[in-house]
N, C-alpha and C. Protein backbone atom coordinates (compact mmCIF):
# COMPACT_ATOMS: atom_id res chain seq x y z
N UNK A 1 74.57 120.83 94.43
CA UNK A 1 74.43 121.93 93.21
C UNK A 1 73.27 122.98 93.83
N UNK A 2 72.19 122.66 94.62
CA UNK A 2 71.13 123.29 95.30
C UNK A 2 72.01 124.35 96.34
N UNK A 3 72.50 123.69 97.26
CA UNK A 3 73.56 124.73 98.14
C UNK A 3 74.22 125.87 97.44
N UNK A 4 74.86 125.49 96.43
CA UNK A 4 75.86 126.56 95.20
C UNK A 4 74.90 127.79 94.98
N UNK A 5 73.67 126.89 94.86
CA UNK A 5 72.66 127.93 94.21
C UNK A 5 71.94 129.26 95.23
N UNK A 6 71.82 128.68 96.51
CA UNK A 6 71.32 129.25 97.60
C UNK A 6 71.94 130.37 98.14
N UNK A 7 73.34 129.88 98.32
CA UNK A 7 74.27 130.29 98.63
C UNK A 7 74.85 131.49 97.86
N UNK A 8 74.96 131.32 96.62
CA UNK A 8 75.02 132.68 95.51
C UNK A 8 73.70 133.17 95.61
N UNK A 9 72.60 133.26 95.52
CA UNK A 9 71.69 133.92 95.48
C UNK A 9 71.21 134.51 96.80
N UNK A 10 72.11 134.21 98.25
CA UNK A 10 72.17 134.92 99.40
C UNK A 10 73.02 136.11 99.37
N UNK A 11 74.11 135.60 98.75
CA UNK A 11 74.89 136.84 98.39
C UNK A 11 74.64 137.99 97.60
N UNK A 12 74.22 137.50 96.48
CA UNK A 12 73.33 138.55 95.22
C UNK A 12 72.52 139.26 96.14
N UNK A 13 71.59 138.58 97.01
CA UNK A 13 70.46 139.64 97.52
C UNK A 13 71.46 140.73 98.50
N UNK A 14 72.16 140.15 99.29
CA UNK A 14 73.00 141.35 100.22
C UNK A 14 73.33 142.44 99.29
N UNK A 15 74.13 141.88 98.21
CA UNK A 15 74.80 143.16 97.56
C UNK A 15 74.02 143.73 96.44
N UNK A 16 72.73 143.29 96.46
CA UNK A 16 71.86 144.10 96.06
C UNK A 16 71.52 144.99 96.52
N UNK A 17 71.30 145.22 97.60
CA UNK A 17 70.44 145.85 98.59
C UNK A 17 71.52 147.40 98.77
N UNK A 18 72.37 147.35 98.30
CA UNK A 18 73.32 148.63 98.19
C UNK A 18 74.48 148.54 97.99
N UNK A 19 75.30 149.30 98.51
CA UNK A 19 76.97 149.33 97.94
C UNK A 19 77.45 148.35 99.14
N UNK A 20 78.33 147.66 98.30
CA UNK A 20 78.69 146.18 99.05
C UNK A 20 80.07 146.60 99.66
N UNK A 21 80.02 147.49 100.74
CA UNK A 21 81.51 147.88 101.55
C UNK A 21 81.38 146.67 102.73
N UNK A 22 82.49 146.42 102.72
CA UNK A 22 82.97 145.73 104.04
C UNK A 22 83.26 146.37 105.23
N UNK A 23 82.20 146.14 106.09
CA UNK A 23 83.11 146.95 107.07
C UNK A 23 83.54 145.91 108.46
N UNK A 24 84.57 146.64 108.67
CA UNK A 24 85.45 145.76 109.98
C UNK A 24 84.68 145.33 110.99
N UNK A 25 83.61 146.03 111.54
CA UNK A 25 82.90 145.88 112.42
C UNK A 25 81.88 144.55 112.65
N UNK A 26 81.80 144.17 111.45
CA UNK A 26 80.72 142.88 111.14
C UNK A 26 82.10 141.62 111.58
N UNK A 27 81.20 140.80 112.05
CA UNK A 27 81.94 139.48 112.40
C UNK A 27 80.97 138.37 112.11
N UNK A 28 81.66 137.27 111.91
CA UNK A 28 81.31 136.13 111.49
C UNK A 28 82.31 134.88 111.85
N UNK A 29 81.31 134.01 112.57
CA UNK A 29 82.43 132.82 113.24
C UNK A 29 81.89 131.11 112.73
N UNK A 30 82.41 130.69 112.14
CA UNK A 30 82.02 129.38 111.75
C UNK A 30 82.68 128.27 112.00
N UNK A 31 82.01 127.39 112.36
CA UNK A 31 82.82 126.07 113.04
C UNK A 31 82.10 124.83 112.82
N UNK A 32 82.38 123.86 111.63
CA UNK A 32 82.16 122.72 111.37
C UNK A 32 82.95 121.44 111.69
N UNK A 33 81.85 120.63 112.26
CA UNK A 33 82.41 118.81 112.16
C UNK A 33 81.73 118.10 111.18
N UNK A 34 82.55 117.08 111.05
CA UNK A 34 81.92 115.98 110.10
C UNK A 34 82.33 116.14 108.95
N UNK A 35 81.48 115.74 108.12
CA UNK A 35 81.83 115.69 106.86
C UNK A 35 80.11 116.62 106.04
N UNK A 36 80.40 116.81 104.75
CA UNK A 36 79.39 117.59 103.72
C UNK A 36 78.57 118.67 104.40
N UNK A 37 79.22 119.74 105.24
CA UNK A 37 78.42 120.55 106.08
C UNK A 37 78.88 121.53 104.54
N UNK A 38 77.89 122.53 105.13
CA UNK A 38 77.60 123.81 104.03
C UNK A 38 77.38 124.94 104.91
N UNK A 39 77.96 126.08 104.96
CA UNK A 39 77.72 127.68 105.55
C UNK A 39 77.88 128.59 104.53
N UNK A 40 76.90 129.53 104.81
CA UNK A 40 77.01 130.91 104.08
C UNK A 40 76.62 131.67 105.14
N UNK A 41 77.58 133.14 105.00
CA UNK A 41 77.01 134.28 105.86
C UNK A 41 77.39 135.32 104.74
N UNK A 42 76.32 136.47 104.93
CA UNK A 42 76.57 137.46 104.22
C UNK A 42 75.66 138.94 104.91
N UNK A 43 76.96 139.86 105.38
CA UNK A 43 76.45 140.90 105.93
C UNK A 43 76.82 142.26 105.42
N UNK A 44 76.25 143.13 105.42
CA UNK A 44 76.11 144.25 104.63
C UNK A 44 75.62 145.55 106.17
N UNK A 45 76.42 146.52 106.39
CA UNK A 45 76.06 147.47 107.48
C UNK A 45 77.19 147.40 108.27
N UNK A 46 76.84 147.67 109.78
CA UNK A 46 77.85 147.71 110.77
C UNK A 46 77.48 147.26 112.01
N UNK A 47 78.21 146.53 112.83
CA UNK A 47 78.06 145.82 113.90
C UNK A 47 77.18 144.70 114.02
N UNK A 48 77.20 144.02 112.48
CA UNK A 48 76.28 142.67 112.87
C UNK A 48 77.00 141.56 112.86
N UNK A 49 76.70 140.19 113.30
CA UNK A 49 77.86 139.39 114.00
C UNK A 49 76.72 137.72 113.54
N UNK A 50 77.47 137.08 113.32
CA UNK A 50 77.04 135.59 112.63
C UNK A 50 77.74 134.93 113.47
N UNK A 51 77.12 133.78 114.16
CA UNK A 51 77.76 132.29 114.83
C UNK A 51 77.30 131.17 114.04
N UNK A 52 78.06 130.37 113.70
CA UNK A 52 77.45 128.94 112.86
C UNK A 52 78.01 128.05 113.30
N UNK A 53 77.64 127.19 114.32
CA UNK A 53 78.19 126.01 114.73
C UNK A 53 77.20 124.47 114.19
N UNK A 54 77.86 123.85 113.44
CA UNK A 54 77.26 122.29 112.86
C UNK A 54 78.13 121.10 113.11
N UNK A 55 77.75 120.10 113.76
CA UNK A 55 78.25 119.02 113.90
C UNK A 55 77.34 117.77 112.84
N UNK A 56 78.20 116.80 113.04
CA UNK A 56 77.05 115.64 112.33
C UNK A 56 77.86 115.32 110.90
N UNK A 57 76.71 115.69 109.92
CA UNK A 57 76.95 115.53 108.73
C UNK A 57 75.70 115.91 107.93
N UNK A 58 76.16 116.48 106.54
CA UNK A 58 74.91 116.88 105.52
C UNK A 58 74.07 117.84 106.30
N UNK A 59 74.60 118.96 106.55
CA UNK A 59 74.17 120.11 107.17
C UNK A 59 74.37 120.99 106.48
N UNK A 60 73.29 122.38 106.40
CA UNK A 60 73.47 123.49 105.55
C UNK A 60 73.06 124.99 106.75
N UNK A 61 73.51 125.70 106.21
CA UNK A 61 73.22 127.00 106.94
C UNK A 61 73.22 128.38 106.24
N UNK A 62 72.68 129.23 106.11
CA UNK A 62 72.67 130.17 105.25
C UNK A 62 72.07 131.93 106.49
N UNK A 63 73.10 132.49 106.48
CA UNK A 63 72.85 133.71 107.23
C UNK A 63 72.88 134.82 106.42
N UNK A 64 71.74 136.10 106.50
CA UNK A 64 72.11 137.16 105.52
C UNK A 64 71.24 138.40 106.49
N UNK A 65 72.58 139.44 106.41
CA UNK A 65 71.76 140.68 107.41
C UNK A 65 72.40 141.80 106.60
N UNK A 66 71.51 142.63 106.97
CA UNK A 66 71.53 143.86 106.40
C UNK A 66 71.21 144.92 107.68
N UNK A 67 72.24 145.74 107.66
CA UNK A 67 71.41 146.87 108.84
C UNK A 67 72.87 147.00 109.83
N UNK A 68 72.22 147.61 110.74
CA UNK A 68 73.23 147.46 112.06
C UNK A 68 72.85 146.78 113.33
N UNK A 69 73.34 146.45 113.73
CA UNK A 69 73.55 146.03 115.28
C UNK A 69 73.04 144.32 115.25
N UNK A 70 72.57 143.82 114.09
CA UNK A 70 72.13 142.24 114.26
C UNK A 70 72.78 141.32 114.76
N UNK A 71 72.09 140.07 115.32
CA UNK A 71 73.18 139.11 115.55
C UNK A 71 72.26 137.76 115.21
N UNK A 72 72.73 136.94 114.70
CA UNK A 72 72.23 135.50 114.48
C UNK A 72 73.04 134.35 114.82
N UNK A 73 72.44 133.54 115.68
CA UNK A 73 73.51 132.24 115.85
C UNK A 73 72.36 131.19 115.36
N UNK A 74 73.29 130.12 114.86
CA UNK A 74 72.41 128.63 114.41
C UNK A 74 73.53 127.66 114.77
N UNK A 75 72.98 126.81 115.62
CA UNK A 75 73.95 125.52 116.14
C UNK A 75 72.82 124.33 115.50
N UNK A 76 73.62 123.57 114.65
CA UNK A 76 72.91 122.34 114.34
C UNK A 76 73.50 121.21 114.52
N UNK A 77 73.07 120.24 115.35
CA UNK A 77 73.92 118.56 115.57
C UNK A 77 72.76 117.64 114.79
N UNK A 78 73.49 116.43 114.77
CA UNK A 78 72.86 115.17 114.35
C UNK A 78 73.00 115.17 112.54
N UNK A 79 71.87 114.98 112.23
CA UNK A 79 72.30 114.76 110.16
C UNK A 79 71.21 115.65 109.35
N UNK A 80 71.74 116.19 108.71
CA UNK A 80 70.58 116.52 107.39
C UNK A 80 69.83 117.62 107.94
N UNK A 81 70.42 118.34 108.74
CA UNK A 81 69.55 119.59 108.85
C UNK A 81 69.80 121.02 108.30
N UNK A 82 68.54 121.83 108.42
CA UNK A 82 68.53 123.08 107.43
C UNK A 82 68.55 124.32 108.20
N UNK A 83 69.20 125.26 107.99
CA UNK A 83 68.71 126.52 108.90
C UNK A 83 69.03 127.82 107.72
N UNK A 84 68.12 128.50 107.43
CA UNK A 84 68.08 130.00 106.82
C UNK A 84 67.44 130.88 107.76
N UNK A 85 68.39 131.99 107.84
CA UNK A 85 68.06 133.14 108.73
C UNK A 85 68.22 134.35 107.86
N UNK A 86 67.58 135.11 107.52
CA UNK A 86 67.37 136.85 107.29
C UNK A 86 67.04 138.01 108.04
N UNK A 87 67.96 138.71 108.06
CA UNK A 87 68.02 139.98 109.15
C UNK A 87 67.90 141.02 108.45
N UNK A 88 67.00 142.15 108.25
CA UNK A 88 66.96 143.47 107.73
C UNK A 88 66.44 144.77 108.52
N UNK A 89 67.41 145.58 108.86
CA UNK A 89 67.11 146.51 109.99
C UNK A 89 67.89 146.78 110.93
N UNK A 90 67.85 146.81 112.57
CA UNK A 90 68.52 147.45 113.25
C UNK A 90 68.30 146.60 114.37
N UNK A 91 68.86 145.76 115.32
CA UNK A 91 68.89 145.61 116.64
C UNK A 91 68.12 144.26 116.68
N UNK A 92 68.08 143.49 115.58
CA UNK A 92 67.55 142.46 115.66
C UNK A 92 68.24 140.97 116.24
N UNK A 93 67.44 140.01 116.68
CA UNK A 93 68.37 138.96 117.26
C UNK A 93 67.48 137.64 116.78
N UNK A 94 68.26 136.83 115.97
CA UNK A 94 67.42 135.30 115.82
C UNK A 94 68.52 134.34 116.39
N UNK A 95 67.98 133.20 116.68
CA UNK A 95 68.87 132.26 117.62
C UNK A 95 68.07 131.10 117.17
N UNK A 96 68.64 130.15 116.71
CA UNK A 96 68.44 128.80 116.35
C UNK A 96 69.06 127.51 116.78
N UNK A 97 68.62 126.54 117.21
CA UNK A 97 69.44 125.42 117.92
C UNK A 97 68.35 124.01 117.75
N UNK A 98 69.34 123.16 116.76
CA UNK A 98 68.56 122.16 116.69
C UNK A 98 69.39 120.83 117.16
N UNK A 99 68.73 119.70 117.30
CA UNK A 99 69.63 118.58 117.55
C UNK A 99 68.65 117.69 117.16
N UNK A 100 68.82 116.48 115.95
CA UNK A 100 67.86 115.58 115.47
C UNK A 100 68.71 115.44 113.79
N UNK A 101 67.28 115.08 113.43
CA UNK A 101 67.43 114.57 111.74
C UNK A 101 66.26 115.40 110.89
N UNK A 102 66.80 115.65 109.68
CA UNK A 102 65.96 116.43 109.04
C UNK A 102 65.18 117.49 109.36
N UNK A 103 65.62 118.47 110.14
CA UNK A 103 65.26 119.34 110.85
C UNK A 103 65.19 120.71 110.01
N UNK A 104 64.13 121.37 109.78
CA UNK A 104 64.71 122.44 108.82
C UNK A 104 63.92 123.87 110.02
N UNK A 105 64.80 124.88 109.92
CA UNK A 105 64.03 126.15 110.53
C UNK A 105 64.80 127.26 109.61
N UNK A 106 63.15 128.26 109.50
CA UNK A 106 64.10 129.12 108.54
C UNK A 106 63.40 130.63 110.00
N UNK A 107 64.18 131.49 109.44
CA UNK A 107 63.77 133.05 110.14
C UNK A 107 63.89 134.35 109.53
N UNK A 108 62.82 135.34 109.33
CA UNK A 108 62.95 136.47 108.59
C UNK A 108 62.54 137.29 109.44
N UNK A 109 63.15 138.24 109.52
CA UNK A 109 62.58 139.69 110.53
C UNK A 109 63.46 140.71 109.57
N UNK A 110 62.31 141.28 109.74
CA UNK A 110 62.63 143.00 109.23
C UNK A 110 62.06 143.89 110.09
N UNK A 111 62.94 145.08 110.22
CA UNK A 111 62.73 146.00 111.04
C UNK A 111 63.48 146.43 112.07
N UNK A 112 63.07 146.65 113.16
CA UNK A 112 63.81 147.17 114.43
C UNK A 112 63.38 145.99 115.87
N UNK A 113 64.58 145.79 116.71
CA UNK A 113 64.59 145.55 117.70
C UNK A 113 63.09 143.84 117.94
N UNK A 114 63.62 143.00 116.94
CA UNK A 114 62.94 142.23 116.91
C UNK A 114 63.63 140.55 117.27
N UNK A 115 63.42 139.55 117.90
CA UNK A 115 63.47 138.73 118.92
C UNK A 115 63.01 137.74 118.31
N UNK A 116 64.22 136.56 117.81
CA UNK A 116 63.13 135.03 117.69
C UNK A 116 64.02 134.19 117.92
N UNK A 117 63.53 133.32 118.57
CA UNK A 117 64.36 131.99 118.91
C UNK A 117 63.81 130.53 118.29
N UNK A 118 64.02 129.70 117.62
CA UNK A 118 63.99 128.62 117.48
C UNK A 118 64.44 127.45 118.12
N UNK A 119 63.82 126.43 118.65
CA UNK A 119 64.49 125.09 119.21
C UNK A 119 63.78 123.74 118.78
N UNK A 120 64.50 122.90 118.22
CA UNK A 120 63.96 121.63 117.56
C UNK A 120 64.59 120.63 117.90
N UNK A 121 64.09 119.53 118.76
CA UNK A 121 64.73 118.03 119.00
C UNK A 121 63.96 117.28 118.04
N UNK A 122 64.37 116.45 117.64
CA UNK A 122 63.57 115.05 116.87
C UNK A 122 63.98 115.05 115.61
N UNK A 123 62.85 114.46 114.98
CA UNK A 123 63.09 114.23 112.99
C UNK A 123 62.09 114.81 112.42
N UNK A 124 62.29 115.35 111.21
CA UNK A 124 61.14 115.58 110.21
C UNK A 124 60.36 117.22 110.86
N UNK A 125 60.79 117.82 111.77
CA UNK A 125 60.43 118.88 111.77
C UNK A 125 60.51 120.31 111.12
N UNK A 126 59.71 120.97 110.87
CA UNK A 126 60.21 122.47 110.34
C UNK A 126 59.43 123.80 111.00
N UNK A 127 60.01 124.60 111.25
CA UNK A 127 59.72 125.77 112.25
C UNK A 127 60.16 127.03 111.03
N UNK A 128 59.01 127.90 111.14
CA UNK A 128 59.43 129.15 110.23
C UNK A 128 59.07 130.39 111.25
N UNK A 129 59.87 131.33 111.31
CA UNK A 129 59.35 132.75 112.36
C UNK A 129 59.39 133.87 111.19
N UNK A 130 58.43 134.68 111.01
CA UNK A 130 58.39 135.91 109.66
C UNK A 130 57.86 136.81 110.53
N UNK A 131 58.92 138.20 110.95
CA UNK A 131 58.35 139.26 111.45
C UNK A 131 58.89 140.40 110.95
N UNK A 132 57.65 141.20 110.80
CA UNK A 132 57.97 142.52 109.89
C UNK A 132 57.47 143.66 111.18
N UNK A 133 58.48 144.30 111.12
CA UNK A 133 58.01 145.75 112.31
C UNK A 133 58.91 145.88 113.21
N UNK A 134 58.47 146.57 114.56
CA UNK A 134 59.07 146.62 115.62
C UNK A 134 58.95 146.12 117.10
N UNK A 135 59.65 145.64 117.73
CA UNK A 135 59.62 145.04 119.00
C UNK A 135 58.97 143.67 118.83
N UNK A 136 58.96 142.84 117.76
CA UNK A 136 58.45 141.68 117.97
C UNK A 136 59.12 140.41 118.82
N UNK A 137 58.47 139.59 119.31
CA UNK A 137 59.02 138.41 119.60
C UNK A 137 58.42 137.18 119.80
N UNK A 138 59.22 136.38 119.16
CA UNK A 138 58.65 134.80 118.42
C UNK A 138 59.58 133.96 119.36
N UNK A 139 58.76 132.64 120.12
CA UNK A 139 59.59 131.46 120.49
C UNK A 139 59.18 130.29 120.12
N UNK A 140 59.59 129.44 119.38
CA UNK A 140 59.50 128.24 118.88
C UNK A 140 60.08 127.13 119.70
N UNK A 141 59.05 126.13 120.21
CA UNK A 141 59.84 124.83 120.51
C UNK A 141 58.94 123.71 120.02
N UNK A 142 60.17 122.83 119.46
CA UNK A 142 59.46 121.57 119.01
C UNK A 142 60.16 120.71 119.19
N UNK A 143 59.74 119.71 120.09
CA UNK A 143 60.08 117.99 120.44
C UNK A 143 59.40 117.26 120.15
N UNK A 144 59.92 116.01 119.17
CA UNK A 144 59.26 114.96 118.71
C UNK A 144 59.78 115.03 117.31
N UNK A 145 58.67 114.28 116.20
CA UNK A 145 58.84 114.00 114.91
C UNK A 145 57.43 114.64 113.83
N UNK A 146 57.82 115.09 112.87
CA UNK A 146 56.95 115.32 111.94
C UNK A 146 55.92 116.31 112.33
N UNK A 147 56.79 117.51 113.06
CA UNK A 147 56.04 118.48 113.37
C UNK A 147 56.27 119.73 112.46
N UNK A 148 54.87 120.93 112.62
CA UNK A 148 55.66 121.78 111.49
C UNK A 148 54.80 123.01 112.27
N UNK A 149 55.50 124.06 112.32
CA UNK A 149 54.91 125.47 112.58
C UNK A 149 55.30 126.50 112.01
N UNK A 150 54.43 127.23 111.68
CA UNK A 150 54.58 129.03 110.88
C UNK A 150 53.77 130.08 111.63
N UNK A 151 55.08 130.96 112.06
CA UNK A 151 54.54 132.26 113.07
C UNK A 151 55.11 133.36 111.87
N UNK A 152 53.88 134.30 111.67
CA UNK A 152 53.66 135.33 111.18
C UNK A 152 53.43 136.39 111.85
N UNK A 153 54.12 137.46 111.97
CA UNK A 153 53.79 138.68 112.98
C UNK A 153 54.13 139.98 112.10
N UNK A 154 52.90 140.99 111.92
CA UNK A 154 53.47 142.09 111.56
C UNK A 154 53.04 143.42 112.27
N UNK A 155 53.64 144.22 112.39
CA UNK A 155 53.36 145.42 113.08
C UNK A 155 54.26 145.93 114.54
N UNK A 156 53.65 146.07 115.56
CA UNK A 156 54.58 146.66 116.66
C UNK A 156 53.83 145.83 118.04
N UNK A 157 55.23 145.12 118.72
CA UNK A 157 54.84 144.57 120.22
C UNK A 157 54.39 143.29 119.89
N UNK A 158 54.24 142.43 118.69
CA UNK A 158 53.70 140.95 118.85
C UNK A 158 54.83 140.36 119.97
N UNK A 159 53.79 139.39 120.20
CA UNK A 159 54.41 138.07 121.41
C UNK A 159 53.78 137.09 121.10
N UNK A 160 54.73 135.54 120.22
CA UNK A 160 54.07 134.49 120.13
C UNK A 160 55.11 133.42 120.77
N UNK A 161 54.60 132.83 121.64
CA UNK A 161 55.42 131.31 121.99
C UNK A 161 54.49 130.06 121.25
N UNK A 162 55.01 129.20 121.04
CA UNK A 162 54.83 127.87 120.12
C UNK A 162 55.35 126.98 120.96
N UNK A 163 54.60 126.11 121.69
CA UNK A 163 55.56 124.94 122.42
C UNK A 163 54.70 123.53 121.76
N UNK A 164 55.49 122.49 121.23
CA UNK A 164 54.70 121.45 120.54
C UNK A 164 55.40 120.13 120.99
N UNK A 165 55.07 119.19 121.28
CA UNK A 165 55.58 118.00 121.37
C UNK A 165 54.70 116.89 121.16
N UNK A 166 55.21 115.86 120.57
CA UNK A 166 54.68 114.18 120.29
C UNK A 166 55.35 114.04 118.89
N UNK A 167 54.64 113.17 118.17
CA UNK A 167 54.95 112.86 116.99
C UNK A 167 53.80 112.60 115.89
N UNK A 168 53.59 112.86 114.78
CA UNK A 168 52.83 112.83 114.08
C UNK A 168 52.94 111.66 112.78
């Protein structure tokens, strides 16, 4: 039920941003294996692309994009992992790859020419990248168990790199 509500909320958010015009230049590709996987993708604008690849079981992914020439990719392996990505603006790129158990990654980008990458391996990790502005870059890598990180950048030309390893 929670997944259904999240998917519905994502779709309503995109369609509330303006006219819900389906542009043939937007692309979505979803490849799921295992069981109990869920994915949602909503795009508005032109030249947006989404790729979701999930393996194992019990995953959930949600992607929402509005604007021009945005691309997001979410890969999940292992079990019970969750990814949420929202991009509003133009020329934004978000890439997330996870392998492990109970991993959560969220990316929010508004503005133009922002790049975010999150990679997690282990168990019970949470990563959040939140960027608003222009030409911002963020990279998060977590290897281990029980790690949490949140990166928030506002403005122009910000760069952040977070690397964590170990066990909590």
